[in-house]
Amino acid sequence: MSVEKLTAESFEKEVLLSDKPVLIDFFATWCGPCKMLAPVIDELAKEKTDIKVFKVDVDEQGELAGRFGVYSIPTIITFKDGKQYKKAVGYQPKAGLLKLVE
């Protein structure tokens, strides 16, 4: 699977109503740690076909970021069965990301 962009408009359908666990990367294009995390997120999305992986640009989707208390980036939030499950702030190695979706 590939990483897709998520918007406030697609959030309910893609996350809350998802039959798979969801991992969301809240990022900004100007953020250094976000740029370091991007290839790790892409790799995870390709390898783990049993989860959905999305990116949210906080500059474009500020309301959605605020809704989940995203004040520092990158912030990773996972959802299971339509509910927020785990949250991590800052760069995460692949092993750390996997723990968020277990």
PDB file of N, CA and C in Angstrom:
ATOM      1  N   MET A   1       0.828  -1.185   0.000  1.00  0.00           N
ATOM      2  CA  MET A   1       0.000   0.000   0.000  1.00  0.00           C
ATOM      3  C   MET A   1       0.869   1.243   0.000  1.00  0.00           C
ATOM      4  N   SER A   2       0.321   2.308  -0.485  1.00  0.00           N
ATOM      5  CA  SER A   2       1.083   3.549  -0.483  1.00  0.00           C
ATOM      6  C   SER A   2       0.520   4.510   0.567  1.00  0.00           C
ATOM      7  N   VAL A   3       1.291   5.540   0.834  1.00  0.00           N
ATOM      8  CA  VAL A   3       0.868   6.565   1.773  1.00  0.00           C
ATOM      9  C   VAL A   3      -0.040   7.540   1.027  1.00  0.00           C
ATOM     10  N   GLU A   4      -1.189   7.841   1.605  1.00  0.00           N
ATOM     11  CA  GLU A   4      -2.131   8.758   0.977  1.00  0.00           C
ATOM     12  C   GLU A   4      -2.280   9.998   1.841  1.00  0.00           C
ATOM     13  N   LYS A   5      -2.663  11.111   1.196  1.00  0.00           N
ATOM     14  CA  LYS A   5      -2.940  12.340   1.946  1.00  0.00           C
ATOM     15  C   LYS A   5      -4.329  12.238   2.551  1.00  0.00           C
ATOM     16  N   LEU A   6      -4.459  12.729   3.757  1.00  0.00           N
ATOM     17  CA  LEU A   6      -5.727  12.702   4.469  1.00  0.00           C
ATOM     18  C   LEU A   6      -6.180  14.137   4.704  1.00  0.00           C
ATOM     19  N   THR A   7      -7.472  14.366   4.534  1.00  0.00           N
ATOM     20  CA  THR A   7      -8.043  15.691   4.775  1.00  0.00           C
ATOM     21  C   THR A   7      -9.173  15.572   5.783  1.00  0.00           C
ATOM     22  N   ALA A   8      -9.633  16.701   6.271  1.00  0.00           N
ATOM     23  CA  ALA A   8     -10.767  16.710   7.198  1.00  0.00           C
ATOM     24  C   ALA A   8     -11.991  16.088   6.534  1.00  0.00           C
ATOM     25  N   GLU A   9     -12.129  16.311   5.236  1.00  0.00           N
ATOM     26  CA  GLU A   9     -13.288  15.783   4.506  1.00  0.00           C
ATOM     27  C   GLU A   9     -13.253  14.263   4.376  1.00  0.00           C
ATOM     28  N   SER A  10     -12.069  13.690   4.241  1.00  0.00           N
ATOM     29  CA  SER A  10     -11.966  12.233   4.057  1.00  0.00           C
ATOM     30  C   SER A  10     -11.726  11.489   5.367  1.00  0.00           C
ATOM     31  N   PHE A  11     -11.568  12.204   6.480  1.00  0.00           N
ATOM     32  CA  PHE A  11     -11.190  11.587   7.747  1.00  0.00           C
ATOM     33  C   PHE A  11     -12.171  10.520   8.216  1.00  0.00           C
ATOM     34  N   GLU A  12     -13.445  10.847   8.247  1.00  0.00           N
ATOM     35  CA  GLU A  12     -14.426   9.883   8.765  1.00  0.00           C
ATOM     36  C   GLU A  12     -14.404   8.591   7.962  1.00  0.00           C
ATOM     37  N   LYS A  13     -14.472   8.720   6.642  1.00  0.00           N
ATOM     38  CA  LYS A  13     -14.521   7.535   5.781  1.00  0.00           C
ATOM     39  C   LYS A  13     -13.238   6.705   5.896  1.00  0.00           C
ATOM     40  N   GLU A  14     -12.088   7.373   5.841  1.00  0.00           N
ATOM     41  CA  GLU A  14     -10.817   6.659   5.794  1.00  0.00           C
ATOM     42  C   GLU A  14     -10.320   6.175   7.150  1.00  0.00           C
ATOM     43  N   VAL A  15     -10.683   6.860   8.218  1.00  0.00           N
ATOM     44  CA  VAL A  15     -10.146   6.512   9.541  1.00  0.00           C
ATOM     45  C   VAL A  15     -11.220   5.937  10.457  1.00  0.00           C
ATOM     46  N   LEU A  16     -12.255   6.699  10.712  1.00  0.00           N
ATOM     47  CA  LEU A  16     -13.272   6.267  11.678  1.00  0.00           C
ATOM     48  C   LEU A  16     -14.039   5.038  11.214  1.00  0.00           C
ATOM     49  N   LEU A  17     -14.247   4.915   9.920  1.00  0.00           N
ATOM     50  CA  LEU A  17     -15.005   3.772   9.395  1.00  0.00           C
ATOM     51  C   LEU A  17     -14.107   2.673   8.823  1.00  0.00           C
ATOM     52  N   SER A  18     -12.808   2.774   9.048  1.00  0.00           N
ATOM     53  CA  SER A  18     -11.862   1.807   8.495  1.00  0.00           C
ATOM     54  C   SER A  18     -11.975   0.457   9.194  1.00  0.00           C
ATOM     55  N   ASP A  19     -11.864  -0.599   8.392  1.00  0.00           N
ATOM     56  CA  ASP A  19     -11.860  -1.947   8.962  1.00  0.00           C
ATOM     57  C   ASP A  19     -10.434  -2.406   9.291  1.00  0.00           C
ATOM     58  N   LYS A  20      -9.451  -1.550   9.006  1.00  0.00           N
ATOM     59  CA  LYS A  20      -8.054  -1.835   9.302  1.00  0.00           C
ATOM     60  C   LYS A  20      -7.523  -0.792  10.288  1.00  0.00           C
ATOM     61  N   PRO A  21      -6.474  -1.144  11.033  1.00  0.00           N
ATOM     62  CA  PRO A  21      -5.816  -0.113  11.842  1.00  0.00           C
ATOM     63  C   PRO A  21      -5.267   0.982  10.929  1.00  0.00           C
ATOM     64  N   VAL A  22      -5.197   2.197  11.453  1.00  0.00           N
ATOM     65  CA  VAL A  22      -4.747   3.355  10.672  1.00  0.00           C
ATOM     66  C   VAL A  22      -3.608   4.052  11.389  1.00  0.00           C
ATOM     67  N   LEU A  23      -2.570   4.424  10.640  1.00  0.00           N
ATOM     68  CA  LEU A  23      -1.466   5.212  11.153  1.00  0.00           C
ATOM     69  C   LEU A  23      -1.464   6.533  10.389  1.00  0.00           C
ATOM     70  N   ILE A  24      -1.434   7.645  11.128  1.00  0.00           N
ATOM     71  CA  ILE A  24      -1.428   8.966  10.503  1.00  0.00           C
ATOM     72  C   ILE A  24      -0.168   9.713  10.922  1.00  0.00           C
ATOM     73  N   ASP A  25       0.540  10.213   9.918  1.00  0.00           N
ATOM     74  CA  ASP A  25       1.737  11.031  10.128  1.00  0.00           C
ATOM     75  C   ASP A  25       1.348  12.492   9.935  1.00  0.00           C
ATOM     76  N   PHE A  26       1.324  13.254  11.024  1.00  0.00           N
ATOM     77  CA  PHE A  26       1.085  14.693  10.954  1.00  0.00           C
ATOM     78  C   PHE A  26       2.444  15.357  10.746  1.00  0.00           C
ATOM     79  N   PHE A  27       2.613  16.079   9.630  1.00  0.00           N
ATOM     80  CA  PHE A  27       3.918  16.602   9.243  1.00  0.00           C
ATOM     81  C   PHE A  27       3.793  17.993   8.630  1.00  0.00           C
ATOM     82  N   ALA A  28       4.945  18.596   8.347  1.00  0.00           N
ATOM     83  CA  ALA A  28       5.010  19.836   7.572  1.00  0.00           C
ATOM     84  C   ALA A  28       6.170  19.699   6.583  1.00  0.00           C
ATOM     85  N   THR A  29       6.019  20.297   5.430  1.00  0.00           N
ATOM     86  CA  THR A  29       7.042  20.167   4.388  1.00  0.00           C
ATOM     87  C   THR A  29       8.375  20.801   4.790  1.00  0.00           C
ATOM     88  N   TRP A  30       8.361  21.760   5.692  1.00  0.00           N
ATOM     89  CA  TRP A  30       9.562  22.476   6.115  1.00  0.00           C
ATOM     90  C   TRP A  30      10.245  21.847   7.330  1.00  0.00           C
ATOM     91  N   CYS A  31       9.677  20.811   7.880  1.00  0.00           N
ATOM     92  CA  CYS A  31      10.144  20.194   9.131  1.00  0.00           C
ATOM     93  C   CYS A  31      11.245  19.160   8.857  1.00  0.00           C
ATOM     94  N   GLY A  32      12.444  19.399   9.431  1.00  0.00           N
ATOM     95  CA  GLY A  32      13.564  18.478   9.255  1.00  0.00           C
ATOM     96  C   GLY A  32      13.294  17.056   9.733  1.00  0.00           C
ATOM     97  N   PRO A  33      12.859  16.863  10.990  1.00  0.00           N
ATOM     98  CA  PRO A  33      12.560  15.503  11.454  1.00  0.00           C
ATOM     99  C   PRO A  33      11.452  14.827  10.623  1.00  0.00           C
ATOM    100  N   CYS A  34      10.514  15.623  10.108  1.00  0.00           N
ATOM    101  CA  CYS A  34       9.448  15.065   9.261  1.00  0.00           C
ATOM    102  C   CYS A  34      10.044  14.500   7.971  1.00  0.00           C
ATOM    103  N   LYS A  35      11.016  15.222   7.410  1.00  0.00           N
ATOM    104  CA  LYS A  35      11.682  14.763   6.186  1.00  0.00           C
ATOM    105  C   LYS A  35      12.461  13.481   6.445  1.00  0.00           C
ATOM    106  N   MET A  36      13.061  13.362   7.633  1.00  0.00           N
ATOM    107  CA  MET A  36      13.784  12.140   7.994  1.00  0.00           C
ATOM    108  C   MET A  36      12.819  10.967   8.164  1.00  0.00           C
ATOM    109  N   LEU A  37      11.628  11.255   8.669  1.00  0.00           N
ATOM    110  CA  LEU A  37      10.642  10.212   8.933  1.00  0.00           C
ATOM    111  C   LEU A  37       9.946   9.725   7.661  1.00  0.00           C
ATOM    112  N   ALA A  38       9.849  10.576   6.652  1.00  0.00           N
ATOM    113  CA  ALA A  38       9.082  10.261   5.441  1.00  0.00           C
ATOM    114  C   ALA A  38       9.462   8.919   4.793  1.00  0.00           C
ATOM    115  N   PRO A  39      10.754   8.617   4.572  1.00  0.00           N
ATOM    116  CA  PRO A  39      11.068   7.319   3.956  1.00  0.00           C
ATOM    117  C   PRO A  39      10.721   6.128   4.855  1.00  0.00           C
ATOM    118  N   VAL A  40      10.778   6.324   6.160  1.00  0.00           N
ATOM    119  CA  VAL A  40      10.418   5.255   7.100  1.00  0.00           C
ATOM    120  C   VAL A  40       8.913   4.978   7.001  1.00  0.00           C
ATOM    121  N   ILE A  41       8.120   6.047   6.919  1.00  0.00           N
ATOM    122  CA  ILE A  41       6.665   5.910   6.761  1.00  0.00           C
ATOM    123  C   ILE A  41       6.343   5.207   5.444  1.00  0.00           C
ATOM    124  N   ASP A  42       7.027   5.620   4.362  1.00  0.00           N
ATOM    125  CA  ASP A  42       6.801   5.004   3.047  1.00  0.00           C
ATOM    126  C   ASP A  42       7.128   3.510   3.068  1.00  0.00           C
ATOM    127  N   GLU A  43       8.232   3.171   3.698  1.00  0.00           N
ATOM    128  CA  GLU A  43       8.643   1.763   3.792  1.00  0.00           C
ATOM    129  C   GLU A  43       7.620   0.955   4.580  1.00  0.00           C
ATOM    130  N   LEU A  44       7.171   1.495   5.688  1.00  0.00           N
ATOM    131  CA  LEU A  44       6.171   0.816   6.510  1.00  0.00           C
ATOM    132  C   LEU A  44       4.884   0.587   5.714  1.00  0.00           C
ATOM    133  N   ALA A  45       4.463   1.588   4.965  1.00  0.00           N
ATOM    134  CA  ALA A  45       3.229   1.480   4.180  1.00  0.00           C
ATOM    135  C   ALA A  45       3.335   0.383   3.123  1.00  0.00           C
ATOM    136  N   LYS A  46       4.506   0.227   2.531  1.00  0.00           N
ATOM    137  CA  LYS A  46       4.701  -0.806   1.508  1.00  0.00           C
ATOM    138  C   LYS A  46       4.721  -2.205   2.111  1.00  0.00           C
ATOM    139  N   GLU A  47       5.311  -2.323   3.299  1.00  0.00           N
ATOM    140  CA  GLU A  47       5.473  -3.628   3.936  1.00  0.00           C
ATOM    141  C   GLU A  47       4.229  -4.111   4.685  1.00  0.00           C
ATOM    142  N   LYS A  48       3.498  -3.204   5.311  1.00  0.00           N
ATOM    143  CA  LYS A  48       2.370  -3.588   6.165  1.00  0.00           C
ATOM    144  C   LYS A  48       1.050  -3.335   5.426  1.00  0.00           C
ATOM    145  N   THR A  49       0.637  -4.284   4.643  1.00  0.00           N
ATOM    146  CA  THR A  49      -0.603  -4.126   3.872  1.00  0.00           C
ATOM    147  C   THR A  49      -1.848  -4.302   4.735  1.00  0.00           C
ATOM    148  N   ASP A  50      -1.658  -4.699   5.999  1.00  0.00           N
ATOM    149  CA  ASP A  50      -2.800  -4.891   6.891  1.00  0.00           C
ATOM    150  C   ASP A  50      -3.162  -3.613   7.651  1.00  0.00           C
ATOM    151  N   ILE A  51      -2.470  -2.500   7.356  1.00  0.00           N
ATOM    152  CA  ILE A  51      -2.819  -1.212   7.955  1.00  0.00           C
ATOM    153  C   ILE A  51      -2.925  -0.150   6.866  1.00  0.00           C
ATOM    154  N   LYS A  52      -3.646   0.921   7.163  1.00  0.00           N
ATOM    155  CA  LYS A  52      -3.717   2.070   6.270  1.00  0.00           C
ATOM    156  C   LYS A  52      -2.766   3.125   6.811  1.00  0.00           C
ATOM    157  N   VAL A  53      -2.039   3.778   5.906  1.00  0.00           N
ATOM    158  CA  VAL A  53      -1.078   4.801   6.308  1.00  0.00           C
ATOM    159  C   VAL A  53      -1.406   6.101   5.578  1.00  0.00           C
ATOM    160  N   PHE A  54      -1.532   7.172   6.358  1.00  0.00           N
ATOM    161  CA  PHE A  54      -1.874   8.476   5.798  1.00  0.00           C
ATOM    162  C   PHE A  54      -0.911   9.542   6.292  1.00  0.00           C
ATOM    163  N   LYS A  55      -0.841  10.636   5.529  1.00  0.00           N
ATOM    164  CA  LYS A  55      -0.091  11.821   5.918  1.00  0.00           C
ATOM    165  C   LYS A  55      -1.060  12.994   5.986  1.00  0.00           C
ATOM    166  N   VAL A  56      -0.850  13.848   6.979  1.00  0.00           N
ATOM    167  CA  VAL A  56      -1.633  15.075   7.114  1.00  0.00           C
ATOM    168  C   VAL A  56      -0.656  16.241   7.183  1.00  0.00           C
ATOM    169  N   ASP A  57      -0.716  17.124   6.188  1.00  0.00           N
ATOM    170  CA  ASP A  57       0.104  18.332   6.182  1.00  0.00           C
ATOM    171  C   ASP A  57      -0.560  19.325   7.134  1.00  0.00           C
ATOM    172  N   VAL A  58       0.100  19.616   8.253  1.00  0.00           N
ATOM    173  CA  VAL A  58      -0.520  20.459   9.287  1.00  0.00           C
ATOM    174  C   VAL A  58      -0.745  21.895   8.804  1.00  0.00           C
ATOM    175  N   ASP A  59       0.031  22.339   7.824  1.00  0.00           N
ATOM    176  CA  ASP A  59      -0.168  23.687   7.287  1.00  0.00           C
ATOM    177  C   ASP A  59      -1.432  23.759   6.432  1.00  0.00           C
ATOM    178  N   GLU A  60      -1.773  22.662   5.773  1.00  0.00           N
ATOM    179  CA  GLU A  60      -2.976  22.606   4.935  1.00  0.00           C
ATOM    180  C   GLU A  60      -4.204  22.172   5.731  1.00  0.00           C
ATOM    181  N   GLN A  61      -4.003  21.378   6.763  1.00  0.00           N
ATOM    182  CA  GLN A  61      -5.104  20.786   7.531  1.00  0.00           C
ATOM    183  C   GLN A  61      -4.973  21.136   9.014  1.00  0.00           C
ATOM    184  N   GLY A  62      -4.842  22.418   9.298  1.00  0.00           N
ATOM    185  CA  GLY A  62      -4.650  22.875  10.670  1.00  0.00           C
ATOM    186  C   GLY A  62      -5.789  22.499  11.603  1.00  0.00           C
ATOM    187  N   GLU A  63      -7.000  22.531  11.094  1.00  0.00           N
ATOM    188  CA  GLU A  63      -8.154  22.178  11.924  1.00  0.00           C
ATOM    189  C   GLU A  63      -8.086  20.710  12.353  1.00  0.00           C
ATOM    190  N   LEU A  64      -7.718  19.852  11.425  1.00  0.00           N
ATOM    191  CA  LEU A  64      -7.614  18.418  11.735  1.00  0.00           C
ATOM    192  C   LEU A  64      -6.477  18.175  12.733  1.00  0.00           C
ATOM    193  N   ALA A  65      -5.364  18.849  12.548  1.00  0.00           N
ATOM    194  CA  ALA A  65      -4.242  18.706  13.482  1.00  0.00           C
ATOM    195  C   ALA A  65      -4.647  19.189  14.877  1.00  0.00           C
ATOM    196  N   GLY A  66      -5.336  20.313  14.936  1.00  0.00           N
ATOM    197  CA  GLY A  66      -5.788  20.846  16.221  1.00  0.00           C
ATOM    198  C   GLY A  66      -6.772  19.940  16.915  1.00  0.00           C
ATOM    199  N   ARG A  67      -7.593  19.281  16.131  1.00  0.00           N
ATOM    200  CA  ARG A  67      -8.606  18.357  16.674  1.00  0.00           C
ATOM    201  C   ARG A  67      -7.968  17.235  17.500  1.00  0.00           C
ATOM    202  N   PHE A  68      -6.728  16.866  17.122  1.00  0.00           N
ATOM    203  CA  PHE A  68      -6.049  15.778  17.824  1.00  0.00           C
ATOM    204  C   PHE A  68      -4.865  16.262  18.650  1.00  0.00           C
ATOM    205  N   GLY A  69      -4.844  17.555  18.951  1.00  0.00           N
ATOM    206  CA  GLY A  69      -3.824  18.091  19.840  1.00  0.00           C
ATOM    207  C   GLY A  69      -2.420  17.998  19.292  1.00  0.00           C
ATOM    208  N   VAL A  70      -2.278  18.152  17.986  1.00  0.00           N
ATOM    209  CA  VAL A  70      -0.954  18.107  17.371  1.00  0.00           C
ATOM    210  C   VAL A  70      -0.338  19.498  17.468  1.00  0.00           C
ATOM    211  N   TYR A  71       0.641  19.647  18.373  1.00  0.00           N
ATOM    212  CA  TYR A  71       1.318  20.924  18.574  1.00  0.00           C
ATOM    213  C   TYR A  71       2.784  20.859  18.198  1.00  0.00           C
ATOM    214  N   SER A  72       3.314  19.651  18.105  1.00  0.00           N
ATOM    215  CA  SER A  72       4.693  19.427  17.680  1.00  0.00           C
ATOM    216  C   SER A  72       4.657  18.415  16.538  1.00  0.00           C
ATOM    217  N   ILE A  73       5.613  18.552  15.634  1.00  0.00           N
ATOM    218  CA  ILE A  73       5.648  17.622  14.516  1.00  0.00           C
ATOM    219  C   ILE A  73       7.059  17.069  14.365  1.00  0.00           C
ATOM    220  N   PRO A  74       7.190  15.862  13.847  1.00  0.00           N
ATOM    221  CA  PRO A  74       6.090  14.991  13.444  1.00  0.00           C
ATOM    222  C   PRO A  74       5.367  14.388  14.652  1.00  0.00           C
ATOM    223  N   THR A  75       4.086  14.179  14.466  1.00  0.00           N
ATOM    224  CA  THR A  75       3.272  13.456  15.441  1.00  0.00           C
ATOM    225  C   THR A  75       2.627  12.295  14.701  1.00  0.00           C
ATOM    226  N   ILE A  76       2.733  11.114  15.288  1.00  0.00           N
ATOM    227  CA  ILE A  76       2.120   9.912  14.718  1.00  0.00           C
ATOM    228  C   ILE A  76       0.976   9.502  15.634  1.00  0.00           C
ATOM    229  N   ILE A  77      -0.198   9.315  15.043  1.00  0.00           N
ATOM    230  CA  ILE A  77      -1.353   8.844  15.808  1.00  0.00           C
ATOM    231  C   ILE A  77      -1.910   7.615  15.111  1.00  0.00           C
ATOM    232  N   THR A  78      -2.191   6.583  15.899  1.00  0.00           N
ATOM    233  CA  THR A  78      -2.812   5.382  15.338  1.00  0.00           C
ATOM    234  C   THR A  78      -4.251   5.268  15.832  1.00  0.00           C
ATOM    235  N   PHE A  79      -5.060   4.644  15.013  1.00  0.00           N
ATOM    236  CA  PHE A  79      -6.471   4.415  15.315  1.00  0.00           C
ATOM    237  C   PHE A  79      -6.790   2.949  15.099  1.00  0.00           C
ATOM    238  N   LYS A  80      -7.634   2.418  15.969  1.00  0.00           N
ATOM    239  CA  LYS A  80      -8.163   1.058  15.814  1.00  0.00           C
ATOM    240  C   LYS A  80      -9.647   1.114  16.097  1.00  0.00           C
ATOM    241  N   ASP A  81     -10.420   0.499  15.246  1.00  0.00           N
ATOM    242  CA  ASP A  81     -11.879   0.448  15.399  1.00  0.00           C
ATOM    243  C   ASP A  81     -12.479   1.845  15.561  1.00  0.00           C
ATOM    244  N   GLY A  82     -11.921   2.799  14.810  1.00  0.00           N
ATOM    245  CA  GLY A  82     -12.469   4.149  14.814  1.00  0.00           C
ATOM    246  C   GLY A  82     -12.108   4.999  16.018  1.00  0.00           C
ATOM    247  N   LYS A  83     -11.231   4.492  16.877  1.00  0.00           N
ATOM    248  CA  LYS A  83     -10.851   5.238  18.081  1.00  0.00           C
ATOM    249  C   LYS A  83      -9.339   5.452  18.111  1.00  0.00           C
ATOM    250  N   GLN A  84      -8.946   6.620  18.646  1.00  0.00           N
ATOM    251  CA  GLN A  84      -7.524   6.886  18.780  1.00  0.00           C
ATOM    252  C   GLN A  84      -6.926   5.830  19.694  1.00  0.00           C
ATOM    253  N   TYR A  85      -5.787   5.270  19.278  1.00  0.00           N
ATOM    254  CA  TYR A  85      -5.178   4.158  19.987  1.00  0.00           C
ATOM    255  C   TYR A  85      -3.870   4.583  20.671  1.00  0.00           C
ATOM    256  N   LYS A  86      -2.889   5.025  19.891  1.00  0.00           N
ATOM    257  CA  LYS A  86      -1.598   5.444  20.455  1.00  0.00           C
ATOM    258  C   LYS A  86      -1.121   6.704  19.741  1.00  0.00           C
ATOM    259  N   LYS A  87      -0.208   7.425  20.425  1.00  0.00           N
ATOM    260  CA  LYS A  87       0.315   8.672  19.881  1.00  0.00           C
ATOM    261  C   LYS A  87       1.792   8.786  20.236  1.00  0.00           C
ATOM    262  N   ALA A  88       2.593   9.279  19.285  1.00  0.00           N
ATOM    263  CA  ALA A  88       4.016   9.511  19.535  1.00  0.00           C
ATOM    264  C   ALA A  88       4.419  10.817  18.860  1.00  0.00           C
ATOM    265  N   VAL A  89       5.289  11.555  19.519  1.00  0.00           N
ATOM    266  CA  VAL A  89       5.755  12.830  18.980  1.00  0.00           C
ATOM    267  C   VAL A  89       7.247  12.737  18.706  1.00  0.00           C
ATOM    268  N   GLY A  90       7.675  13.264  17.558  1.00  0.00           N
ATOM    269  CA  GLY A  90       9.082  13.255  17.181  1.00  0.00           C
ATOM    270  C   GLY A  90       9.410  12.091  16.264  1.00  0.00           C
ATOM    271  N   TYR A  91      10.630  12.112  15.778  1.00  0.00           N
ATOM    272  CA  TYR A  91      11.086  11.046  14.874  1.00  0.00           C
ATOM    273  C   TYR A  91      10.974   9.694  15.563  1.00  0.00           C
ATOM    274  N   GLN A  92      10.478   8.717  14.831  1.00  0.00           N
ATOM    275  CA  GLN A  92      10.360   7.351  15.341  1.00  0.00           C
ATOM    276  C   GLN A  92      11.051   6.402  14.365  1.00  0.00           C
ATOM    277  N   PRO A  93      11.901   5.506  14.854  1.00  0.00           N
ATOM    278  CA  PRO A  93      12.459   4.493  13.955  1.00  0.00           C
ATOM    279  C   PRO A  93      11.343   3.517  13.565  1.00  0.00           C
ATOM    280  N   LYS A  94      11.619   2.712  12.589  1.00  0.00           N
ATOM    281  CA  LYS A  94      10.610   1.765  12.099  1.00  0.00           C
ATOM    282  C   LYS A  94      10.073   0.883  13.229  1.00  0.00           C
ATOM    283  N   ALA A  95      10.938   0.421  14.102  1.00  0.00           N
ATOM    284  CA  ALA A  95      10.497  -0.434  15.224  1.00  0.00           C
ATOM    285  C   ALA A  95       9.517   0.314  16.113  1.00  0.00           C
ATOM    286  N   GLY A  96       9.759   1.601  16.318  1.00  0.00           N
ATOM    287  CA  GLY A  96       8.851   2.415  17.121  1.00  0.00           C
ATOM    288  C   GLY A  96       7.499   2.571  16.456  1.00  0.00           C
ATOM    289  N   LEU A  97       7.495   2.738  15.147  1.00  0.00           N
ATOM    290  CA  LEU A  97       6.229   2.841  14.420  1.00  0.00           C
ATOM    291  C   LEU A  97       5.446   1.541  14.497  1.00  0.00           C
ATOM    292  N   LEU A  98       6.163   0.419  14.388  1.00  0.00           N
ATOM    293  CA  LEU A  98       5.486  -0.876  14.468  1.00  0.00           C
ATOM    294  C   LEU A  98       4.815  -1.071  15.819  1.00  0.00           C
ATOM    295  N   LYS A  99       5.438  -0.600  16.892  1.00  0.00           N
ATOM    296  CA  LYS A  99       4.835  -0.708  18.230  1.00  0.00           C
ATOM    297  C   LYS A  99       3.541   0.107  18.330  1.00  0.00           C
ATOM    298  N   LEU A 100       3.463   1.174  17.558  1.00  0.00           N
ATOM    299  CA  LEU A 100       2.264   2.004  17.594  1.00  0.00           C
ATOM    300  C   LEU A 100       1.056   1.322  16.949  1.00  0.00           C
ATOM    301  N   VAL A 101       1.310   0.378  16.063  1.00  0.00           N
ATOM    302  CA  VAL A 101       0.190  -0.289  15.377  1.00  0.00           C
ATOM    303  C   VAL A 101      -0.057  -1.707  15.879  1.00  0.00           C
ATOM    304  N   GLU A 102       0.756  -2.165  16.830  1.00  0.00           N
ATOM    305  CA  GLU A 102       0.549  -3.519  17.372  1.00  0.00           C
ATOM    306  C   GLU A 102      -0.647  -3.554  18.307  1.00  0.00           C
TER     307      GLU A 102
END
